[in-house]
C-alpha cells in the first residue's frame, strides 16, 4: 500500500488486515511522542524505549480491533499512560521489596555475627576443658590445619594415636557445646563450620 499522506483510518483498516507497512507508518508517526511521554515520566532512555516497544507490541496484538476505535490518538496515549503507571507501580514494589530484603539480610548478618561470637566463646571454653594432649592435637589440626601424619611426626606419636585423641577431643567439644547452646543454634553452627 502506497501512502503519501498519513490517513489514520485507512492505515488502521490495513493494519487490521495484517499489513506490515500500515503498522510501520503508525509506528513512525507515534513512536517519538510515546518515547517523549515515557522519558518525561520515567526519566530513563532505556525504560522509555521499552515502553515504546511494549505499546507497539500491544498494538500489533490488538491490530484487528484498532480500526473500530474512533479516537485512536487518545486511545494510544491512554494505553501509554496506563502502561507507564503500571511500570512505575511495579518499580516501586520492586524497590520496596529490595529494601526490605536488604534490611532482612543486614539483620541476618548481624544475627550470624552474634551467633558466631557466642560460638567462638563457647568453643574456646570447650577447648580449654580438654586434656593438654587433646588440646594440642586439636589446635594443630583445626587451627594450624596440619594433617594427622604431620601432627604425628611433630609430636613423635603414631597417626592412629593422633586419630583417637582428635576423635575424643571432637566428641568432648561437641558435648560441651550442645550443653551450652540451644539445639537449632548448635546445628546451624555445625553445618556452617564443620
N, C-alpha and C. Protein backbone atom coordinates (compact mmCIF):
# COMPACT_ATOMS: atom_id res chain seq x y z
N UNK A 1 0.84 -1.18 0.00
CA UNK A 1 0.00 0.00 0.00
C UNK A 1 0.88 1.23 0.00
N UNK A 2 0.73 2.09 -0.92
CA UNK A 2 1.47 3.34 -1.01
C UNK A 2 0.71 4.41 -0.26
N UNK A 3 1.34 5.04 0.68
CA UNK A 3 0.69 6.08 1.46
C UNK A 3 1.56 7.33 1.40
N UNK A 4 1.04 8.36 0.77
CA UNK A 4 1.79 9.62 0.68
C UNK A 4 1.47 10.52 1.86
N UNK A 5 0.23 10.51 2.29
CA UNK A 5 -0.16 11.30 3.45
C UNK A 5 -0.63 10.33 4.53
N UNK A 6 -0.59 10.81 5.72
CA UNK A 6 -0.95 9.95 6.83
C UNK A 6 -2.47 9.97 6.99
N UNK A 7 -3.11 8.88 6.60
CA UNK A 7 -4.55 8.73 6.75
C UNK A 7 -4.77 7.61 7.76
N UNK A 8 -5.06 8.00 8.99
CA UNK A 8 -5.09 7.05 10.09
C UNK A 8 -6.17 5.99 9.92
N UNK A 9 -7.36 6.39 9.49
CA UNK A 9 -8.46 5.41 9.33
C UNK A 9 -8.07 4.32 8.35
N UNK A 10 -7.51 4.72 7.20
CA UNK A 10 -7.09 3.73 6.20
C UNK A 10 -5.97 2.85 6.73
N UNK A 11 -5.03 3.47 7.42
CA UNK A 11 -3.91 2.70 7.97
C UNK A 11 -4.40 1.67 9.00
N UNK A 12 -5.34 2.06 9.85
CA UNK A 12 -5.85 1.13 10.86
C UNK A 12 -6.63 -0.01 10.22
N UNK A 13 -7.35 0.28 9.13
CA UNK A 13 -8.04 -0.79 8.39
C UNK A 13 -7.02 -1.74 7.77
N UNK A 14 -5.98 -1.17 7.16
CA UNK A 14 -4.93 -2.00 6.57
C UNK A 14 -4.20 -2.80 7.65
N UNK A 15 -3.99 -2.16 8.78
CA UNK A 15 -3.32 -2.84 9.90
C UNK A 15 -4.17 -4.01 10.39
N UNK A 16 -5.48 -3.82 10.43
CA UNK A 16 -6.38 -4.90 10.87
C UNK A 16 -6.27 -6.10 9.94
N UNK A 17 -5.88 -5.86 8.69
CA UNK A 17 -5.71 -6.94 7.73
C UNK A 17 -4.29 -7.51 7.76
N UNK A 18 -3.47 -6.99 8.66
CA UNK A 18 -2.13 -7.53 8.86
C UNK A 18 -1.05 -6.94 7.98
N UNK A 19 -1.27 -5.77 7.39
CA UNK A 19 -0.25 -5.17 6.51
C UNK A 19 0.86 -4.54 7.34
N UNK A 20 2.07 -4.98 7.06
CA UNK A 20 3.24 -4.50 7.79
C UNK A 20 3.51 -3.02 7.55
N UNK A 21 3.30 -2.56 6.32
CA UNK A 21 3.57 -1.15 6.00
C UNK A 21 2.65 -0.22 6.79
N UNK A 22 1.43 -0.64 6.97
CA UNK A 22 0.49 0.19 7.75
C UNK A 22 0.99 0.29 9.19
N UNK A 23 1.44 -0.83 9.72
CA UNK A 23 1.97 -0.83 11.08
C UNK A 23 3.20 0.07 11.16
N UNK A 24 4.08 -0.02 10.19
CA UNK A 24 5.29 0.81 10.17
C UNK A 24 4.93 2.28 10.12
N UNK A 25 3.92 2.64 9.33
CA UNK A 25 3.51 4.05 9.23
C UNK A 25 2.98 4.56 10.57
N UNK A 26 2.13 3.78 11.21
CA UNK A 26 1.59 4.19 12.51
C UNK A 26 2.73 4.27 13.54
N UNK A 27 3.62 3.29 13.51
CA UNK A 27 4.77 3.27 14.42
C UNK A 27 5.60 4.54 14.26
N UNK A 28 5.98 4.86 13.03
CA UNK A 28 6.83 6.04 12.80
C UNK A 28 6.10 7.34 13.12
N UNK A 29 4.79 7.33 12.99
CA UNK A 29 4.02 8.53 13.28
C UNK A 29 3.96 8.82 14.78
N UNK A 30 3.89 7.80 15.62
CA UNK A 30 3.67 8.00 17.05
C UNK A 30 4.86 7.67 17.96
N UNK A 31 5.85 6.98 17.47
CA UNK A 31 6.91 6.48 18.37
C UNK A 31 7.63 7.59 19.12
N UNK A 32 7.92 8.72 18.45
CA UNK A 32 8.66 9.79 19.13
C UNK A 32 7.81 10.43 20.23
N UNK A 33 6.52 10.54 20.00
CA UNK A 33 5.63 11.13 21.01
C UNK A 33 5.52 10.21 22.23
N UNK A 34 5.36 8.92 21.97
CA UNK A 34 5.27 7.97 23.08
C UNK A 34 6.58 7.93 23.85
N UNK A 35 7.69 7.95 23.12
CA UNK A 35 9.00 7.96 23.77
C UNK A 35 9.14 9.20 24.66
N UNK A 36 8.73 10.37 24.15
CA UNK A 36 8.86 11.62 24.91
C UNK A 36 8.04 11.56 26.20
N UNK A 37 6.82 11.04 26.11
CA UNK A 37 5.98 10.92 27.30
C UNK A 37 6.63 9.97 28.31
N UNK A 38 7.07 8.82 27.82
CA UNK A 38 7.68 7.82 28.70
C UNK A 38 8.96 8.35 29.33
N UNK A 39 9.78 9.04 28.55
CA UNK A 39 11.04 9.58 29.08
C UNK A 39 10.76 10.64 30.14
N UNK A 40 9.76 11.50 29.89
CA UNK A 40 9.42 12.55 30.85
C UNK A 40 8.94 11.94 32.17
N UNK A 41 8.15 10.87 32.11
CA UNK A 41 7.61 10.27 33.33
C UNK A 41 8.58 9.32 34.02
N UNK A 42 9.41 8.62 33.26
CA UNK A 42 10.31 7.61 33.83
C UNK A 42 11.73 8.14 34.05
N UNK A 43 12.14 9.12 33.26
CA UNK A 43 13.48 9.68 33.41
C UNK A 43 14.60 8.77 32.94
N UNK A 44 14.27 7.77 32.14
CA UNK A 44 15.28 6.82 31.68
C UNK A 44 15.07 6.53 30.20
N UNK A 45 16.15 6.68 29.43
CA UNK A 45 16.06 6.44 27.99
C UNK A 45 15.76 4.97 27.70
N UNK A 46 16.41 4.07 28.41
CA UNK A 46 16.19 2.65 28.14
C UNK A 46 14.78 2.22 28.53
N UNK A 47 14.27 2.76 29.64
CA UNK A 47 12.90 2.43 30.02
C UNK A 47 11.90 3.03 29.06
N UNK A 48 12.19 4.22 28.56
CA UNK A 48 11.30 4.85 27.58
C UNK A 48 11.27 4.02 26.29
N UNK A 49 12.42 3.52 25.87
CA UNK A 49 12.46 2.66 24.68
C UNK A 49 11.67 1.38 24.92
N UNK A 50 11.77 0.83 26.11
CA UNK A 50 11.00 -0.37 26.45
C UNK A 50 9.50 -0.10 26.38
N UNK A 51 9.09 1.07 26.85
CA UNK A 51 7.67 1.43 26.79
C UNK A 51 7.20 1.50 25.35
N UNK A 52 7.99 2.13 24.48
CA UNK A 52 7.62 2.22 23.06
C UNK A 52 7.45 0.82 22.49
N UNK A 53 8.39 -0.05 22.75
CA UNK A 53 8.28 -1.42 22.24
C UNK A 53 7.06 -2.14 22.80
N UNK A 54 6.82 -1.99 24.09
CA UNK A 54 5.67 -2.66 24.71
C UNK A 54 4.35 -2.15 24.14
N UNK A 55 4.24 -0.84 23.98
CA UNK A 55 2.99 -0.26 23.46
C UNK A 55 2.73 -0.74 22.04
N UNK A 56 3.75 -0.74 21.21
CA UNK A 56 3.52 -1.16 19.82
C UNK A 56 3.35 -2.67 19.71
N UNK A 57 3.90 -3.41 20.62
CA UNK A 57 3.62 -4.85 20.65
C UNK A 57 2.16 -5.09 21.00
N UNK A 58 1.67 -4.37 22.01
CA UNK A 58 0.24 -4.46 22.35
C UNK A 58 -0.62 -4.07 21.16
N UNK A 59 -0.19 -3.00 20.49
CA UNK A 59 -0.96 -2.53 19.34
C UNK A 59 -1.00 -3.61 18.25
N UNK A 60 0.13 -4.24 17.99
CA UNK A 60 0.18 -5.29 16.97
C UNK A 60 -0.72 -6.47 17.35
N UNK A 61 -0.69 -6.82 18.62
CA UNK A 61 -1.50 -7.95 19.07
C UNK A 61 -3.00 -7.65 19.00
N UNK A 62 -3.36 -6.37 19.11
CA UNK A 62 -4.78 -5.98 19.03
C UNK A 62 -5.12 -5.31 17.70
N UNK A 63 -4.30 -5.53 16.70
CA UNK A 63 -4.47 -4.84 15.42
C UNK A 63 -5.84 -5.05 14.80
N UNK A 64 -6.46 -6.18 15.02
CA UNK A 64 -7.77 -6.47 14.44
C UNK A 64 -8.88 -5.60 15.00
N UNK A 65 -8.67 -5.02 16.18
CA UNK A 65 -9.70 -4.20 16.83
C UNK A 65 -9.45 -2.71 16.67
N UNK A 66 -8.29 -2.31 16.24
CA UNK A 66 -7.91 -0.90 16.24
C UNK A 66 -8.75 -0.04 15.29
N UNK A 67 -9.20 -0.60 14.17
CA UNK A 67 -9.97 0.21 13.21
C UNK A 67 -11.33 0.61 13.76
N UNK A 68 -11.77 -0.02 14.85
CA UNK A 68 -13.05 0.30 15.47
C UNK A 68 -12.95 1.47 16.45
N UNK A 69 -11.74 1.87 16.78
CA UNK A 69 -11.52 2.95 17.75
C UNK A 69 -11.69 4.29 17.03
N UNK A 70 -12.60 5.14 17.57
CA UNK A 70 -12.89 6.39 16.86
C UNK A 70 -11.81 7.46 17.12
N UNK A 71 -11.20 7.48 18.28
CA UNK A 71 -10.15 8.46 18.59
C UNK A 71 -8.87 7.70 18.93
N UNK A 72 -8.20 7.26 17.89
CA UNK A 72 -7.04 6.39 18.07
C UNK A 72 -5.92 7.07 18.85
N UNK A 73 -5.65 8.34 18.54
CA UNK A 73 -4.58 9.07 19.21
C UNK A 73 -4.83 9.10 20.73
N UNK A 74 -6.05 9.44 21.15
CA UNK A 74 -6.38 9.48 22.58
C UNK A 74 -6.27 8.08 23.18
N UNK A 75 -6.72 7.08 22.45
CA UNK A 75 -6.63 5.69 22.90
C UNK A 75 -5.17 5.31 23.12
N UNK A 76 -4.32 5.63 22.15
CA UNK A 76 -2.90 5.25 22.22
C UNK A 76 -2.22 5.94 23.40
N UNK A 77 -2.52 7.21 23.63
CA UNK A 77 -1.89 7.91 24.73
C UNK A 77 -2.43 7.42 26.08
N UNK A 78 -3.70 7.01 26.14
CA UNK A 78 -4.26 6.44 27.37
C UNK A 78 -3.59 5.10 27.67
N UNK A 79 -3.42 4.26 26.66
CA UNK A 79 -2.73 2.98 26.84
C UNK A 79 -1.30 3.22 27.30
N UNK A 80 -0.65 4.23 26.72
CA UNK A 80 0.73 4.56 27.09
C UNK A 80 0.80 5.00 28.55
N UNK A 81 -0.09 5.92 28.92
CA UNK A 81 -0.11 6.43 30.30
C UNK A 81 -0.34 5.28 31.29
N UNK A 82 -1.32 4.44 31.00
CA UNK A 82 -1.63 3.32 31.90
C UNK A 82 -0.45 2.35 32.01
N UNK A 83 0.20 2.10 30.89
CA UNK A 83 1.36 1.20 30.89
C UNK A 83 2.49 1.79 31.74
N UNK A 84 2.72 3.09 31.61
CA UNK A 84 3.79 3.74 32.38
C UNK A 84 3.45 3.72 33.87
N UNK A 85 2.21 4.01 34.22
CA UNK A 85 1.84 3.99 35.63
C UNK A 85 1.95 2.59 36.22
N UNK A 86 1.58 1.60 35.44
CA UNK A 86 1.74 0.22 35.89
C UNK A 86 3.23 -0.10 36.09
N UNK A 87 4.07 0.37 35.17
CA UNK A 87 5.51 0.17 35.29
C UNK A 87 6.06 0.86 36.55
N UNK A 88 5.59 2.08 36.81
CA UNK A 88 6.05 2.81 38.00
C UNK A 88 5.64 2.09 39.28
N UNK A 89 4.41 1.57 39.31
CA UNK A 89 3.97 0.82 40.49
C UNK A 89 4.83 -0.42 40.70
N UNK A 90 5.12 -1.11 39.61
CA UNK A 90 5.96 -2.30 39.69
C UNK A 90 7.35 -1.95 40.19
N UNK A 91 7.92 -0.86 39.66
CA UNK A 91 9.25 -0.42 40.09
C UNK A 91 9.24 -0.08 41.58
N UNK A 92 8.17 0.60 42.04
CA UNK A 92 8.07 0.96 43.45
C UNK A 92 8.00 -0.30 44.32
N UNK A 93 7.22 -1.28 43.88
CA UNK A 93 7.11 -2.53 44.64
C UNK A 93 8.46 -3.26 44.67
N UNK A 94 9.17 -3.25 43.54
CA UNK A 94 10.46 -3.92 43.48
C UNK A 94 11.48 -3.23 44.40
N UNK A 95 11.45 -1.89 44.41
CA UNK A 95 12.37 -1.15 45.28
C UNK A 95 12.05 -1.41 46.75
N UNK A 96 10.76 -1.45 47.08
CA UNK A 96 10.35 -1.72 48.45
C UNK A 96 10.79 -3.13 48.86
N UNK A 97 10.56 -4.08 47.96
CA UNK A 97 10.97 -5.46 48.26
C UNK A 97 12.48 -5.55 48.41
N UNK A 98 13.21 -4.85 47.55
CA UNK A 98 14.68 -4.88 47.63
C UNK A 98 15.16 -4.27 48.94
N UNK A 99 14.54 -3.15 49.36
CA UNK A 99 14.98 -2.53 50.61
C UNK A 99 14.61 -3.40 51.81
N UNK A 100 13.44 -4.06 51.75
CA UNK A 100 13.07 -4.97 52.83
C UNK A 100 14.01 -6.17 52.87
N UNK A 101 14.36 -6.68 51.69
CA UNK A 101 15.29 -7.81 51.62
C UNK A 101 16.66 -7.40 52.14
N UNK A 102 17.07 -6.19 51.80
CA UNK A 102 18.36 -5.69 52.26
C UNK A 102 18.36 -5.56 53.78
N UNK A 103 17.27 -5.03 54.34
CA UNK A 103 17.18 -4.90 55.81
C UNK A 103 17.20 -6.28 56.46
N UNK A 104 16.50 -7.23 55.87
CA UNK A 104 16.48 -8.59 56.39
C UNK A 104 17.88 -9.20 56.34
N UNK A 105 18.57 -8.98 55.22
CA UNK A 105 19.92 -9.53 55.06
C UNK A 105 20.86 -8.94 56.10
N UNK A 106 20.74 -7.63 56.34
CA UNK A 106 21.59 -6.97 57.35
C UNK A 106 21.32 -7.58 58.72
N UNK A 107 20.05 -7.77 59.04
CA UNK A 107 19.70 -8.37 60.34
C UNK A 107 20.23 -9.79 60.45
N UNK A 108 20.13 -10.55 59.36
CA UNK A 108 20.64 -11.93 59.38
C UNK A 108 22.15 -11.95 59.54
N UNK A 109 22.83 -11.01 58.90
CA UNK A 109 24.29 -10.92 59.05
C UNK A 109 24.65 -10.58 60.49
N UNK A 110 23.90 -9.63 61.08
CA UNK A 110 24.16 -9.28 62.48
C UNK A 110 23.90 -10.49 63.39
N UNK A 111 22.78 -11.18 63.13
CA UNK A 111 22.46 -12.36 63.93
C UNK A 111 23.54 -13.42 63.78
N UNK A 112 24.00 -13.64 62.55
CA UNK A 112 25.06 -14.63 62.32
C UNK A 112 26.35 -14.23 63.02
N UNK A 113 26.64 -12.94 63.03
CA UNK A 113 27.86 -12.47 63.71
C UNK A 113 27.75 -12.71 65.21
N UNK A 114 26.57 -12.45 65.76
CA UNK A 114 26.36 -12.67 67.20
C UNK A 114 26.49 -14.16 67.53
N UNK A 115 25.84 -14.99 66.69
CA UNK A 115 25.91 -16.44 66.89
C UNK A 115 27.35 -16.92 66.79
N UNK A 116 28.07 -16.40 65.80
CA UNK A 116 29.47 -16.80 65.61
C UNK A 116 30.31 -16.40 66.82
N UNK A 117 30.08 -15.20 67.34
CA UNK A 117 30.84 -14.74 68.50
C UNK A 117 30.54 -15.63 69.72
N UNK A 118 29.25 -15.94 69.92
CA UNK A 118 28.88 -16.83 71.02
C UNK A 118 29.53 -18.20 70.85
N UNK A 119 29.48 -18.70 69.61
CA UNK A 119 30.07 -20.00 69.33
C UNK A 119 31.57 -19.99 69.63
N UNK A 120 32.25 -18.94 69.20
CA UNK A 120 33.69 -18.85 69.44
C UNK A 120 34.01 -18.86 70.93
N UNK A 121 33.20 -18.15 71.71
CA UNK A 121 33.43 -18.12 73.16
C UNK A 121 33.23 -19.51 73.77
N UNK A 122 32.13 -20.15 73.38
CA UNK A 122 31.85 -21.49 73.91
C UNK A 122 32.92 -22.47 73.44
N UNK A 123 33.31 -22.36 72.17
CA UNK A 123 34.34 -23.26 71.62
C UNK A 123 35.65 -23.11 72.38
N UNK A 124 36.05 -21.88 72.68
CA UNK A 124 37.30 -21.65 73.40
C UNK A 124 37.23 -22.24 74.81
N UNK A 125 36.05 -22.13 75.42
CA UNK A 125 35.89 -22.75 76.75
C UNK A 125 35.94 -24.27 76.65
N UNK A 126 35.35 -24.82 75.57
CA UNK A 126 35.36 -26.28 75.37
C UNK A 126 36.78 -26.77 75.14
N UNK A 127 37.56 -26.04 74.37
CA UNK A 127 38.95 -26.43 74.10
C UNK A 127 39.76 -26.39 75.40
N UNK A 128 39.50 -25.38 76.22
CA UNK A 128 40.23 -25.25 77.49
C UNK A 128 39.92 -26.40 78.44
N UNK A 129 38.80 -27.09 78.26
CA UNK A 129 38.40 -28.21 79.12
C UNK A 129 39.10 -29.52 78.71
N UNK A 130 39.72 -29.53 77.54
CA UNK A 130 40.37 -30.75 77.05
C UNK A 130 41.64 -31.04 77.85
N UNK A 131 42.07 -32.30 77.77
CA UNK A 131 43.37 -32.63 78.36
C UNK A 131 44.44 -31.89 77.56
N UNK A 132 45.61 -31.64 78.15
CA UNK A 132 46.65 -30.91 77.42
C UNK A 132 47.01 -31.57 76.08
N UNK A 133 47.08 -32.89 76.06
CA UNK A 133 47.43 -33.60 74.83
C UNK A 133 46.34 -33.40 73.76
N UNK A 134 45.07 -33.57 74.15
CA UNK A 134 43.97 -33.39 73.21
C UNK A 134 43.90 -31.94 72.71
N UNK A 135 44.11 -31.00 73.63
CA UNK A 135 44.07 -29.58 73.24
C UNK A 135 45.14 -29.28 72.20
N UNK A 136 46.33 -29.77 72.43
CA UNK A 136 47.43 -29.54 71.50
C UNK A 136 47.12 -30.16 70.13
N UNK A 137 46.66 -31.39 70.11
CA UNK A 137 46.36 -32.08 68.85
C UNK A 137 45.20 -31.38 68.12
N UNK A 138 44.19 -30.98 68.88
CA UNK A 138 43.06 -30.28 68.27
C UNK A 138 43.54 -28.98 67.62
N UNK A 139 44.32 -28.19 68.34
CA UNK A 139 44.80 -26.91 67.80
C UNK A 139 45.69 -27.10 66.58
N UNK A 140 46.55 -28.12 66.62
CA UNK A 140 47.40 -28.38 65.46
C UNK A 140 46.56 -28.77 64.25
N UNK A 141 45.51 -29.51 64.49
CA UNK A 141 44.65 -29.96 63.39
C UNK A 141 43.73 -28.85 62.89
N UNK A 142 42.98 -28.24 63.79
CA UNK A 142 41.93 -27.31 63.39
C UNK A 142 42.40 -25.88 63.20
N UNK A 143 43.33 -25.46 64.01
CA UNK A 143 43.77 -24.06 63.92
C UNK A 143 44.96 -23.89 62.97
N UNK A 144 45.87 -24.87 62.97
CA UNK A 144 47.02 -24.77 62.09
C UNK A 144 46.82 -25.53 60.78
N UNK A 145 45.81 -26.39 60.76
CA UNK A 145 45.47 -27.10 59.53
C UNK A 145 46.40 -28.25 59.17
N UNK A 146 47.10 -28.78 60.15
CA UNK A 146 48.01 -29.90 59.88
C UNK A 146 47.23 -31.21 59.73
N UNK A 147 47.74 -32.10 58.90
CA UNK A 147 47.15 -33.43 58.72
C UNK A 147 47.64 -34.33 59.86
N UNK A 148 46.93 -35.46 60.04
CA UNK A 148 47.27 -36.38 61.14
C UNK A 148 48.73 -36.83 61.08
N UNK A 149 49.20 -37.17 59.86
CA UNK A 149 50.59 -37.63 59.74
C UNK A 149 51.58 -36.53 60.13
N UNK A 150 51.28 -35.30 59.80
CA UNK A 150 52.16 -34.18 60.14
C UNK A 150 52.18 -33.97 61.66
N UNK A 151 51.01 -34.08 62.29
CA UNK A 151 50.94 -33.94 63.74
C UNK A 151 51.70 -35.10 64.41
N UNK A 152 51.52 -36.30 63.86
CA UNK A 152 52.22 -37.47 64.41
C UNK A 152 53.72 -37.28 64.34
N UNK A 153 54.22 -36.79 63.21
CA UNK A 153 55.66 -36.55 63.08
C UNK A 153 56.14 -35.50 64.08
N UNK A 154 55.37 -34.43 64.21
CA UNK A 154 55.78 -33.34 65.09
C UNK A 154 55.80 -33.78 66.57
N UNK A 155 54.80 -34.58 66.96
CA UNK A 155 54.69 -34.97 68.38
C UNK A 155 55.33 -36.32 68.69
N UNK A 156 55.89 -36.94 67.65
CA UNK A 156 56.54 -38.24 67.84
C UNK A 156 55.54 -39.28 68.37
N UNK A 157 54.32 -39.28 67.78
CA UNK A 157 53.27 -40.24 68.13
C UNK A 157 52.82 -40.94 66.84
N UNK A 158 52.09 -42.02 66.99
CA UNK A 158 51.59 -42.72 65.80
C UNK A 158 50.37 -41.97 65.24
N UNK A 159 50.13 -42.07 63.92
CA UNK A 159 48.95 -41.44 63.33
C UNK A 159 47.65 -41.98 63.95
N UNK A 160 47.64 -43.24 64.36
CA UNK A 160 46.45 -43.81 64.98
C UNK A 160 46.18 -43.17 66.34
N UNK A 161 47.21 -42.88 67.09
CA UNK A 161 47.06 -42.21 68.39
C UNK A 161 46.49 -40.80 68.18
N UNK A 162 47.00 -40.13 67.16
CA UNK A 162 46.51 -38.78 66.83
C UNK A 162 45.03 -38.86 66.47
N UNK A 163 44.67 -39.87 65.70
CA UNK A 163 43.27 -40.05 65.29
C UNK A 163 42.37 -40.23 66.50
N UNK A 164 42.79 -41.05 67.45
CA UNK A 164 42.00 -41.31 68.65
C UNK A 164 41.88 -40.04 69.49
N UNK A 165 43.00 -39.35 69.73
CA UNK A 165 42.96 -38.11 70.53
C UNK A 165 42.06 -37.06 69.86
N UNK A 166 42.16 -36.93 68.55
CA UNK A 166 41.35 -35.94 67.82
C UNK A 166 39.87 -36.30 67.89
N UNK A 167 39.55 -37.57 67.73
CA UNK A 167 38.14 -38.01 67.81
C UNK A 167 37.58 -37.74 69.21
N UNK A 168 38.37 -38.06 70.24
CA UNK A 168 37.93 -37.80 71.61
C UNK A 168 37.76 -36.30 71.87
N UNK A 169 38.67 -35.51 71.34
CA UNK A 169 38.58 -34.06 71.51
C UNK A 169 37.32 -33.52 70.84
N UNK A 170 37.04 -33.98 69.62
CA UNK A 170 35.86 -33.51 68.89
C UNK A 170 34.58 -33.92 69.63
N UNK A 171 34.54 -35.14 70.14
CA UNK A 171 33.38 -35.62 70.88
C UNK A 171 33.17 -34.77 72.13
N UNK A 172 34.24 -34.48 72.83
CA UNK A 172 34.17 -33.68 74.05
C UNK A 172 33.72 -32.25 73.74
N UNK A 173 34.23 -31.68 72.68
CA UNK A 173 33.86 -30.32 72.29
C UNK A 173 32.38 -30.26 71.91
N UNK A 174 31.92 -31.24 71.12
CA UNK A 174 30.51 -31.30 70.72
C UNK A 174 29.61 -31.37 71.95
N UNK A 175 29.94 -32.23 72.87
CA UNK A 175 29.12 -32.41 74.08
C UNK A 175 29.10 -31.11 74.90
N UNK A 176 30.25 -30.47 75.03
CA UNK A 176 30.34 -29.22 75.78
C UNK A 176 29.48 -28.15 75.12
N UNK A 177 29.57 -28.03 73.79
CA UNK A 177 28.80 -27.02 73.05
C UNK A 177 27.30 -27.29 73.12
N UNK A 178 26.92 -28.54 72.95
CA UNK A 178 25.50 -28.88 72.98
C UNK A 178 24.89 -28.57 74.34
N UNK A 179 25.66 -28.74 75.39
CA UNK A 179 25.15 -28.47 76.74
C UNK A 179 24.97 -26.98 76.98
N UNK A 180 25.61 -26.15 76.20
CA UNK A 180 25.58 -24.71 76.43
C UNK A 180 24.86 -23.91 75.34
N UNK A 181 24.42 -24.55 74.28
CA UNK A 181 23.72 -23.87 73.20
C UNK A 181 22.39 -24.56 72.96
N UNK A 182 21.42 -23.77 72.41
CA UNK A 182 20.18 -24.47 72.05
C UNK A 182 20.46 -25.31 70.81
N UNK A 183 19.64 -26.30 70.56
CA UNK A 183 19.87 -27.29 69.51
C UNK A 183 19.92 -26.65 68.13
N UNK A 184 19.00 -25.71 67.83
CA UNK A 184 18.98 -25.09 66.50
C UNK A 184 20.27 -24.34 66.22
N UNK A 185 20.72 -23.56 67.20
CA UNK A 185 21.97 -22.81 67.03
C UNK A 185 23.13 -23.77 66.84
N UNK A 186 23.15 -24.82 67.64
CA UNK A 186 24.23 -25.81 67.53
C UNK A 186 24.25 -26.44 66.14
N UNK A 187 23.07 -26.83 65.63
CA UNK A 187 23.01 -27.45 64.30
C UNK A 187 23.45 -26.49 63.21
N UNK A 188 23.05 -25.23 63.32
CA UNK A 188 23.47 -24.22 62.33
C UNK A 188 24.98 -24.09 62.35
N UNK A 189 25.54 -24.00 63.54
CA UNK A 189 26.99 -23.84 63.66
C UNK A 189 27.72 -25.06 63.14
N UNK A 190 27.23 -26.23 63.49
CA UNK A 190 27.87 -27.45 62.98
C UNK A 190 27.85 -27.48 61.46
N UNK A 191 26.73 -27.04 60.89
CA UNK A 191 26.60 -27.02 59.43
C UNK A 191 27.53 -25.99 58.82
N UNK A 192 27.66 -24.83 59.45
CA UNK A 192 28.48 -23.77 58.89
C UNK A 192 29.98 -24.02 59.05
N UNK A 193 30.38 -24.59 60.17
CA UNK A 193 31.81 -24.62 60.49
C UNK A 193 32.47 -25.98 60.38
N UNK A 194 31.70 -27.04 60.15
CA UNK A 194 32.35 -28.36 60.08
C UNK A 194 32.07 -29.04 58.79
